[in-house]
Amino acid sequence: MVQFPVILEPDEKSGWTVLFPDLPYGVTQGDTVGECLTRAQEVILLVLEDLMAGNKPIPVPRRRRGRRVHYVTLPLLESAKIELHESMRAGGVTKAALARRMKLHRQQVDRLLDLGHGSRLDQVEAAFAALGKRLSFTVEDAA
């Protein structure tokens, strides 16, 4: 799954300010670390959805160290959609071309790439297959 680092900086007024070192923009805040991480996930998804809407590349998250660095893991479905977007960009495949390959309407592909839409995982898997790729995942013990 896709993970992005965030940096929590103490803030006298709001508890913490959350910075996103690998994203081109975005900031949030919260009173507790848990609140900050929840809001951070929301901001990350909004920024990535905006980048995807503009057919821009998704920044590659870098490993970072430090006591103020936390990692936000994106949900499986959203991670798969982000990887689908990147696979399409790498292969030069437009939404219209993917729709033709999958025998779908363009609007269905738009929803498939919409991070806010609850697509079925089998539909995302079919999109990867249309790109000559296979979707896989692993199950790990919780940390």
N, C-alpha and C. Protein backbone atom coordinates (compact mmCIF):
# COMPACT_ATOMS: atom_id res chain seq x y z
N MET A 1 0.83 -1.18 0.00
CA MET A 1 0.00 0.00 0.00
C MET A 1 0.88 1.25 0.00
N VAL A 2 0.31 2.31 -0.48
CA VAL A 2 1.04 3.56 -0.59
C VAL A 2 1.14 4.23 0.78
N GLN A 3 2.35 4.67 1.13
CA GLN A 3 2.60 5.37 2.40
C GLN A 3 3.30 6.69 2.11
N PHE A 4 2.88 7.72 2.81
CA PHE A 4 3.53 9.02 2.70
C PHE A 4 4.01 9.47 4.06
N PRO A 5 5.23 10.03 4.12
CA PRO A 5 5.70 10.59 5.40
C PRO A 5 5.04 11.95 5.64
N VAL A 6 4.80 12.22 6.90
CA VAL A 6 4.34 13.55 7.32
C VAL A 6 5.22 13.96 8.49
N ILE A 7 5.37 15.25 8.65
CA ILE A 7 6.17 15.78 9.75
C ILE A 7 5.24 16.59 10.65
N LEU A 8 5.25 16.26 11.93
CA LEU A 8 4.44 16.98 12.91
C LEU A 8 5.32 17.99 13.63
N GLU A 9 4.97 19.25 13.49
CA GLU A 9 5.69 20.34 14.14
C GLU A 9 4.82 20.89 15.27
N PRO A 10 5.38 21.06 16.46
CA PRO A 10 4.58 21.63 17.56
C PRO A 10 4.09 23.03 17.19
N ASP A 11 2.86 23.33 17.58
CA ASP A 11 2.26 24.63 17.31
C ASP A 11 1.57 25.10 18.59
N GLU A 12 1.91 26.28 19.05
CA GLU A 12 1.36 26.79 20.32
C GLU A 12 -0.15 26.93 20.28
N LYS A 13 -0.71 27.26 19.12
CA LYS A 13 -2.14 27.52 19.02
C LYS A 13 -2.97 26.26 18.79
N SER A 14 -2.45 25.34 17.98
CA SER A 14 -3.30 24.22 17.57
C SER A 14 -2.77 22.85 17.98
N GLY A 15 -1.73 22.77 18.72
CA GLY A 15 -1.17 21.48 19.10
C GLY A 15 -0.06 21.07 18.15
N TRP A 16 -0.45 20.76 16.92
CA TRP A 16 0.52 20.30 15.91
C TRP A 16 0.15 20.84 14.52
N THR A 17 1.17 21.16 13.75
CA THR A 17 1.01 21.46 12.33
C THR A 17 1.59 20.28 11.57
N VAL A 18 0.88 19.84 10.56
CA VAL A 18 1.30 18.68 9.77
C VAL A 18 1.82 19.16 8.42
N LEU A 19 3.06 18.78 8.10
CA LEU A 19 3.69 19.14 6.83
C LEU A 19 3.86 17.89 5.98
N PHE A 20 3.83 18.07 4.66
CA PHE A 20 3.90 16.97 3.71
C PHE A 20 5.13 17.16 2.81
N PRO A 21 6.28 16.63 3.21
CA PRO A 21 7.53 16.94 2.50
C PRO A 21 7.59 16.41 1.07
N ASP A 22 6.82 15.37 0.74
CA ASP A 22 6.92 14.80 -0.61
C ASP A 22 5.79 15.24 -1.53
N LEU A 23 4.89 16.06 -1.04
CA LEU A 23 3.78 16.54 -1.87
C LEU A 23 4.03 18.00 -2.26
N PRO A 24 3.51 18.42 -3.41
CA PRO A 24 3.77 19.79 -3.85
C PRO A 24 3.07 20.85 -3.01
N TYR A 25 2.04 20.47 -2.27
CA TYR A 25 1.34 21.39 -1.39
C TYR A 25 0.52 20.59 -0.39
N GLY A 26 0.00 21.29 0.59
CA GLY A 26 -0.84 20.66 1.61
C GLY A 26 -0.31 20.93 3.00
N VAL A 27 -1.22 21.24 3.89
CA VAL A 27 -0.89 21.44 5.29
C VAL A 27 -2.18 21.23 6.08
N THR A 28 -2.06 20.76 7.29
CA THR A 28 -3.21 20.64 8.18
C THR A 28 -2.71 20.76 9.60
N GLN A 29 -3.61 20.62 10.55
CA GLN A 29 -3.22 20.74 11.95
C GLN A 29 -4.17 19.91 12.78
N GLY A 30 -3.80 19.73 14.05
CA GLY A 30 -4.65 19.00 14.96
C GLY A 30 -4.16 19.14 16.38
N ASP A 31 -5.03 18.79 17.33
CA ASP A 31 -4.68 18.89 18.74
C ASP A 31 -3.89 17.69 19.24
N THR A 32 -4.14 16.53 18.63
CA THR A 32 -3.45 15.30 19.04
C THR A 32 -2.77 14.67 17.84
N VAL A 33 -1.84 13.78 18.10
CA VAL A 33 -1.15 13.07 17.01
C VAL A 33 -2.16 12.27 16.19
N GLY A 34 -3.07 11.57 16.86
CA GLY A 34 -4.08 10.78 16.15
C GLY A 34 -4.95 11.62 15.24
N GLU A 35 -5.39 12.77 15.74
CA GLU A 35 -6.19 13.69 14.93
C GLU A 35 -5.38 14.18 13.73
N CYS A 36 -4.11 14.48 13.95
CA CYS A 36 -3.23 14.94 12.86
C CYS A 36 -3.09 13.89 11.78
N LEU A 37 -2.91 12.64 12.17
CA LEU A 37 -2.71 11.57 11.18
C LEU A 37 -3.99 11.30 10.40
N THR A 38 -5.14 11.41 11.05
CA THR A 38 -6.41 11.26 10.33
C THR A 38 -6.59 12.37 9.32
N ARG A 39 -6.32 13.59 9.74
CA ARG A 39 -6.45 14.72 8.82
C ARG A 39 -5.39 14.66 7.72
N ALA A 40 -4.22 14.16 8.05
CA ALA A 40 -3.15 14.04 7.06
C ALA A 40 -3.58 13.12 5.93
N GLN A 41 -4.22 11.99 6.27
CA GLN A 41 -4.68 11.07 5.23
C GLN A 41 -5.68 11.76 4.31
N GLU A 42 -6.58 12.55 4.87
CA GLU A 42 -7.56 13.28 4.07
C GLU A 42 -6.87 14.24 3.11
N VAL A 43 -5.88 14.98 3.62
CA VAL A 43 -5.16 15.94 2.78
C VAL A 43 -4.38 15.23 1.68
N ILE A 44 -3.71 14.15 2.03
CA ILE A 44 -2.94 13.39 1.03
C ILE A 44 -3.86 12.94 -0.10
N LEU A 45 -5.01 12.38 0.25
CA LEU A 45 -5.94 11.90 -0.78
C LEU A 45 -6.45 13.05 -1.64
N LEU A 46 -6.72 14.21 -1.05
CA LEU A 46 -7.17 15.37 -1.82
C LEU A 46 -6.10 15.85 -2.79
N VAL A 47 -4.85 15.93 -2.31
CA VAL A 47 -3.76 16.39 -3.16
C VAL A 47 -3.53 15.39 -4.31
N LEU A 48 -3.52 14.10 -3.99
CA LEU A 48 -3.29 13.10 -5.02
C LEU A 48 -4.43 13.07 -6.03
N GLU A 49 -5.65 13.24 -5.56
CA GLU A 49 -6.79 13.29 -6.49
C GLU A 49 -6.66 14.48 -7.43
N ASP A 50 -6.21 15.61 -6.91
CA ASP A 50 -6.00 16.79 -7.74
C ASP A 50 -4.91 16.54 -8.78
N LEU A 51 -3.82 15.92 -8.36
CA LEU A 51 -2.74 15.60 -9.31
C LEU A 51 -3.24 14.64 -10.39
N MET A 52 -4.00 13.63 -9.98
CA MET A 52 -4.52 12.66 -10.93
C MET A 52 -5.49 13.31 -11.92
N ALA A 53 -6.32 14.23 -11.44
CA ALA A 53 -7.27 14.92 -12.32
C ALA A 53 -6.54 15.72 -13.39
N GLY A 54 -5.37 16.23 -13.05
CA GLY A 54 -4.55 16.97 -14.01
C GLY A 54 -3.59 16.09 -14.79
N ASN A 55 -3.73 14.78 -14.63
CA ASN A 55 -2.85 13.79 -15.28
C ASN A 55 -1.37 14.06 -14.98
N LYS A 56 -1.11 14.46 -13.75
CA LYS A 56 0.27 14.73 -13.32
C LYS A 56 0.81 13.51 -12.58
N PRO A 57 2.12 13.39 -12.54
CA PRO A 57 2.72 12.24 -11.84
C PRO A 57 2.50 12.33 -10.33
N ILE A 58 2.39 11.19 -9.71
CA ILE A 58 2.29 11.11 -8.26
C ILE A 58 3.71 11.09 -7.71
N PRO A 59 4.02 11.98 -6.78
CA PRO A 59 5.38 11.99 -6.21
C PRO A 59 5.70 10.66 -5.53
N VAL A 60 6.93 10.25 -5.65
CA VAL A 60 7.38 9.02 -4.99
C VAL A 60 7.75 9.37 -3.55
N PRO A 61 7.07 8.76 -2.58
CA PRO A 61 7.42 9.05 -1.18
C PRO A 61 8.82 8.56 -0.86
N ARG A 62 9.57 9.37 -0.14
CA ARG A 62 10.93 8.98 0.26
C ARG A 62 10.93 8.59 1.73
N ARG A 63 11.83 7.69 2.08
CA ARG A 63 11.98 7.30 3.49
C ARG A 63 12.62 8.47 4.23
N ARG A 64 12.10 8.76 5.38
CA ARG A 64 12.62 9.85 6.20
C ARG A 64 12.78 9.37 7.62
N ARG A 65 13.66 10.03 8.33
CA ARG A 65 13.90 9.69 9.73
C ARG A 65 13.71 10.91 10.59
N GLY A 66 13.46 10.66 11.84
CA GLY A 66 13.32 11.75 12.80
C GLY A 66 12.15 11.46 13.72
N ARG A 67 12.22 12.03 14.90
CA ARG A 67 11.17 11.72 15.88
C ARG A 67 9.85 12.39 15.55
N ARG A 68 9.85 13.37 14.66
CA ARG A 68 8.61 14.04 14.27
C ARG A 68 8.03 13.48 12.98
N VAL A 69 8.69 12.49 12.40
CA VAL A 69 8.23 11.89 11.15
C VAL A 69 7.28 10.74 11.48
N HIS A 70 6.14 10.76 10.83
CA HIS A 70 5.15 9.68 10.94
C HIS A 70 4.81 9.26 9.52
N TYR A 71 4.30 8.04 9.37
CA TYR A 71 3.90 7.56 8.04
C TYR A 71 2.40 7.33 8.02
N VAL A 72 1.78 7.81 6.94
CA VAL A 72 0.35 7.64 6.74
C VAL A 72 0.18 6.64 5.62
N THR A 73 -0.48 5.53 5.94
CA THR A 73 -0.75 4.48 4.95
C THR A 73 -2.12 4.71 4.35
N LEU A 74 -2.18 4.76 3.04
CA LEU A 74 -3.46 4.95 2.36
C LEU A 74 -4.19 3.61 2.25
N PRO A 75 -5.52 3.65 2.24
CA PRO A 75 -6.29 2.41 2.13
C PRO A 75 -5.97 1.65 0.83
N LEU A 76 -6.24 0.35 0.85
CA LEU A 76 -5.91 -0.53 -0.28
C LEU A 76 -6.53 -0.06 -1.59
N LEU A 77 -7.82 0.23 -1.60
CA LEU A 77 -8.49 0.62 -2.84
C LEU A 77 -7.88 1.89 -3.41
N GLU A 78 -7.67 2.88 -2.58
CA GLU A 78 -7.08 4.13 -3.05
C GLU A 78 -5.65 3.92 -3.52
N SER A 79 -4.90 3.08 -2.84
CA SER A 79 -3.53 2.76 -3.26
C SER A 79 -3.54 2.11 -4.64
N ALA A 80 -4.48 1.20 -4.86
CA ALA A 80 -4.58 0.52 -6.16
C ALA A 80 -4.92 1.53 -7.27
N LYS A 81 -5.81 2.46 -6.97
CA LYS A 81 -6.19 3.46 -7.97
C LYS A 81 -5.01 4.37 -8.31
N ILE A 82 -4.21 4.71 -7.31
CA ILE A 82 -3.03 5.54 -7.54
C ILE A 82 -2.04 4.79 -8.43
N GLU A 83 -1.83 3.52 -8.14
CA GLU A 83 -0.92 2.70 -8.96
C GLU A 83 -1.47 2.53 -10.38
N LEU A 84 -2.78 2.44 -10.52
CA LEU A 84 -3.40 2.35 -11.85
C LEU A 84 -3.12 3.63 -12.64
N HIS A 85 -3.30 4.77 -11.99
CA HIS A 85 -3.01 6.05 -12.63
C HIS A 85 -1.57 6.10 -13.11
N GLU A 86 -0.64 5.69 -12.25
CA GLU A 86 0.78 5.73 -12.62
C GLU A 86 1.09 4.74 -13.74
N SER A 87 0.46 3.59 -13.73
CA SER A 87 0.66 2.61 -14.81
C SER A 87 0.15 3.15 -16.14
N MET A 88 -0.98 3.83 -16.09
CA MET A 88 -1.51 4.43 -17.32
C MET A 88 -0.57 5.50 -17.85
N ARG A 89 -0.06 6.35 -16.96
CA ARG A 89 0.88 7.40 -17.38
C ARG A 89 2.14 6.79 -17.98
N ALA A 90 2.68 5.77 -17.31
CA ALA A 90 3.91 5.13 -17.78
C ALA A 90 3.72 4.49 -19.15
N GLY A 91 2.54 3.96 -19.39
CA GLY A 91 2.27 3.30 -20.67
C GLY A 91 1.69 4.23 -21.72
N GLY A 92 1.48 5.49 -21.37
CA GLY A 92 0.90 6.44 -22.31
C GLY A 92 -0.54 6.11 -22.67
N VAL A 93 -1.26 5.50 -21.74
CA VAL A 93 -2.64 5.09 -21.98
C VAL A 93 -3.59 6.14 -21.40
N THR A 94 -4.44 6.70 -22.25
CA THR A 94 -5.41 7.68 -21.80
C THR A 94 -6.63 6.98 -21.20
N LYS A 95 -7.47 7.76 -20.54
CA LYS A 95 -8.71 7.22 -20.00
C LYS A 95 -9.59 6.67 -21.13
N ALA A 96 -9.64 7.38 -22.24
CA ALA A 96 -10.45 6.94 -23.38
C ALA A 96 -9.91 5.62 -23.93
N ALA A 97 -8.61 5.50 -24.02
CA ALA A 97 -8.01 4.26 -24.53
C ALA A 97 -8.28 3.10 -23.58
N LEU A 98 -8.19 3.34 -22.27
CA LEU A 98 -8.48 2.29 -21.31
C LEU A 98 -9.95 1.88 -21.40
N ALA A 99 -10.83 2.85 -21.57
CA ALA A 99 -12.25 2.55 -21.72
C ALA A 99 -12.49 1.65 -22.93
N ARG A 100 -11.82 1.94 -24.04
CA ARG A 100 -11.97 1.10 -25.24
C ARG A 100 -11.46 -0.32 -24.97
N ARG A 101 -10.30 -0.42 -24.32
CA ARG A 101 -9.74 -1.75 -24.03
C ARG A 101 -10.65 -2.56 -23.12
N MET A 102 -11.32 -1.88 -22.20
CA MET A 102 -12.18 -2.58 -21.23
C MET A 102 -13.63 -2.68 -21.70
N LYS A 103 -13.92 -2.05 -22.85
CA LYS A 103 -15.28 -2.01 -23.38
C LYS A 103 -16.24 -1.36 -22.37
N LEU A 104 -15.81 -0.20 -21.87
CA LEU A 104 -16.58 0.58 -20.91
C LEU A 104 -16.79 1.98 -21.46
N HIS A 105 -17.70 2.73 -20.83
CA HIS A 105 -17.85 4.14 -21.14
C HIS A 105 -16.74 4.91 -20.42
N ARG A 106 -16.36 6.02 -20.98
CA ARG A 106 -15.30 6.85 -20.40
C ARG A 106 -15.63 7.24 -18.96
N GLN A 107 -16.92 7.52 -18.67
CA GLN A 107 -17.32 7.92 -17.32
C GLN A 107 -17.05 6.81 -16.31
N GLN A 108 -17.15 5.56 -16.74
CA GLN A 108 -16.87 4.44 -15.85
C GLN A 108 -15.38 4.41 -15.47
N VAL A 109 -14.53 4.74 -16.42
CA VAL A 109 -13.09 4.81 -16.14
C VAL A 109 -12.80 6.01 -15.24
N ASP A 110 -13.49 7.13 -15.47
CA ASP A 110 -13.34 8.28 -14.57
C ASP A 110 -13.63 7.88 -13.14
N ARG A 111 -14.72 7.14 -12.92
CA ARG A 111 -15.07 6.71 -11.56
C ARG A 111 -14.04 5.73 -11.01
N LEU A 112 -13.51 4.90 -11.90
CA LEU A 112 -12.51 3.92 -11.49
C LEU A 112 -11.25 4.60 -10.94
N LEU A 113 -10.94 5.77 -11.44
CA LEU A 113 -9.77 6.52 -11.00
C LEU A 113 -10.09 7.57 -9.95
N ASP A 114 -11.35 7.72 -9.59
CA ASP A 114 -11.78 8.69 -8.59
C ASP A 114 -11.51 8.13 -7.20
N LEU A 115 -10.62 8.77 -6.45
CA LEU A 115 -10.26 8.27 -5.12
C LEU A 115 -11.42 8.33 -4.14
N GLY A 116 -12.42 9.14 -4.42
CA GLY A 116 -13.58 9.24 -3.54
C GLY A 116 -14.71 8.28 -3.90
N HIS A 117 -14.56 7.56 -5.00
CA HIS A 117 -15.61 6.64 -5.43
C HIS A 117 -15.31 5.23 -4.94
N GLY A 118 -16.29 4.57 -4.42
CA GLY A 118 -16.13 3.22 -3.87
C GLY A 118 -16.16 2.15 -4.94
N SER A 119 -15.22 2.15 -5.84
CA SER A 119 -15.14 1.14 -6.89
C SER A 119 -14.95 -0.24 -6.28
N ARG A 120 -15.33 -1.23 -7.05
CA ARG A 120 -15.07 -2.61 -6.62
C ARG A 120 -13.64 -2.97 -7.03
N LEU A 121 -12.98 -3.73 -6.17
CA LEU A 121 -11.59 -4.09 -6.41
C LEU A 121 -11.45 -4.93 -7.68
N ASP A 122 -12.44 -5.74 -8.01
CA ASP A 122 -12.36 -6.54 -9.23
C ASP A 122 -12.36 -5.66 -10.48
N GLN A 123 -13.00 -4.49 -10.41
CA GLN A 123 -12.98 -3.57 -11.55
C GLN A 123 -11.58 -2.97 -11.73
N VAL A 124 -10.95 -2.64 -10.62
CA VAL A 124 -9.58 -2.11 -10.68
C VAL A 124 -8.64 -3.20 -11.21
N GLU A 125 -8.85 -4.41 -10.75
CA GLU A 125 -8.05 -5.55 -11.22
C GLU A 125 -8.21 -5.73 -12.73
N ALA A 126 -9.43 -5.59 -13.24
CA ALA A 126 -9.68 -5.70 -14.69
C ALA A 126 -8.97 -4.59 -15.45
N ALA A 127 -8.90 -3.39 -14.87
CA ALA A 127 -8.21 -2.29 -15.52
C ALA A 127 -6.71 -2.58 -15.63
N PHE A 128 -6.14 -3.14 -14.57
CA PHE A 128 -4.72 -3.52 -14.64
C PHE A 128 -4.52 -4.59 -15.72
N ALA A 129 -5.42 -5.54 -15.79
CA ALA A 129 -5.32 -6.59 -16.81
C ALA A 129 -5.35 -5.99 -18.21
N ALA A 130 -6.18 -4.97 -18.42
CA ALA A 130 -6.25 -4.30 -19.72
C ALA A 130 -4.95 -3.58 -20.05
N LEU A 131 -4.14 -3.31 -19.03
CA LEU A 131 -2.82 -2.68 -19.23
C LEU A 131 -1.70 -3.72 -19.30
N GLY A 132 -2.08 -5.00 -19.22
CA GLY A 132 -1.08 -6.05 -19.24
C GLY A 132 -0.38 -6.21 -17.90
N LYS A 133 -1.08 -5.84 -16.84
CA LYS A 133 -0.50 -5.93 -15.49
C LYS A 133 -1.41 -6.76 -14.60
N ARG A 134 -0.86 -7.16 -13.47
CA ARG A 134 -1.61 -7.96 -12.51
C ARG A 134 -1.56 -7.27 -11.16
N LEU A 135 -2.70 -7.16 -10.52
CA LEU A 135 -2.79 -6.56 -9.19
C LEU A 135 -2.57 -7.65 -8.16
N SER A 136 -1.72 -7.38 -7.17
CA SER A 136 -1.51 -8.35 -6.10
C SER A 136 -1.38 -7.59 -4.78
N PHE A 137 -1.57 -8.30 -3.69
CA PHE A 137 -1.41 -7.69 -2.38
C PHE A 137 -0.92 -8.74 -1.40
N THR A 138 -0.45 -8.29 -0.26
CA THR A 138 0.02 -9.22 0.77
C THR A 138 -0.70 -8.91 2.08
N VAL A 139 -0.75 -9.90 2.91
CA VAL A 139 -1.31 -9.74 4.25
C VAL A 139 -0.15 -9.84 5.24
N GLU A 140 -0.08 -8.87 6.15
CA GLU A 140 1.02 -8.83 7.11
C GLU A 140 0.46 -8.72 8.51
N ASP A 141 1.24 -9.13 9.47
CA ASP A 141 0.86 -8.92 10.86
C ASP A 141 0.85 -7.43 11.16
N ALA A 142 -0.08 -7.00 11.98
CA ALA A 142 -0.14 -5.59 12.38
C ALA A 142 1.08 -5.28 13.24
N ALA A 143 1.56 -4.07 13.10
CA ALA A 143 2.77 -3.65 13.84
C ALA A 143 2.51 -3.54 15.32
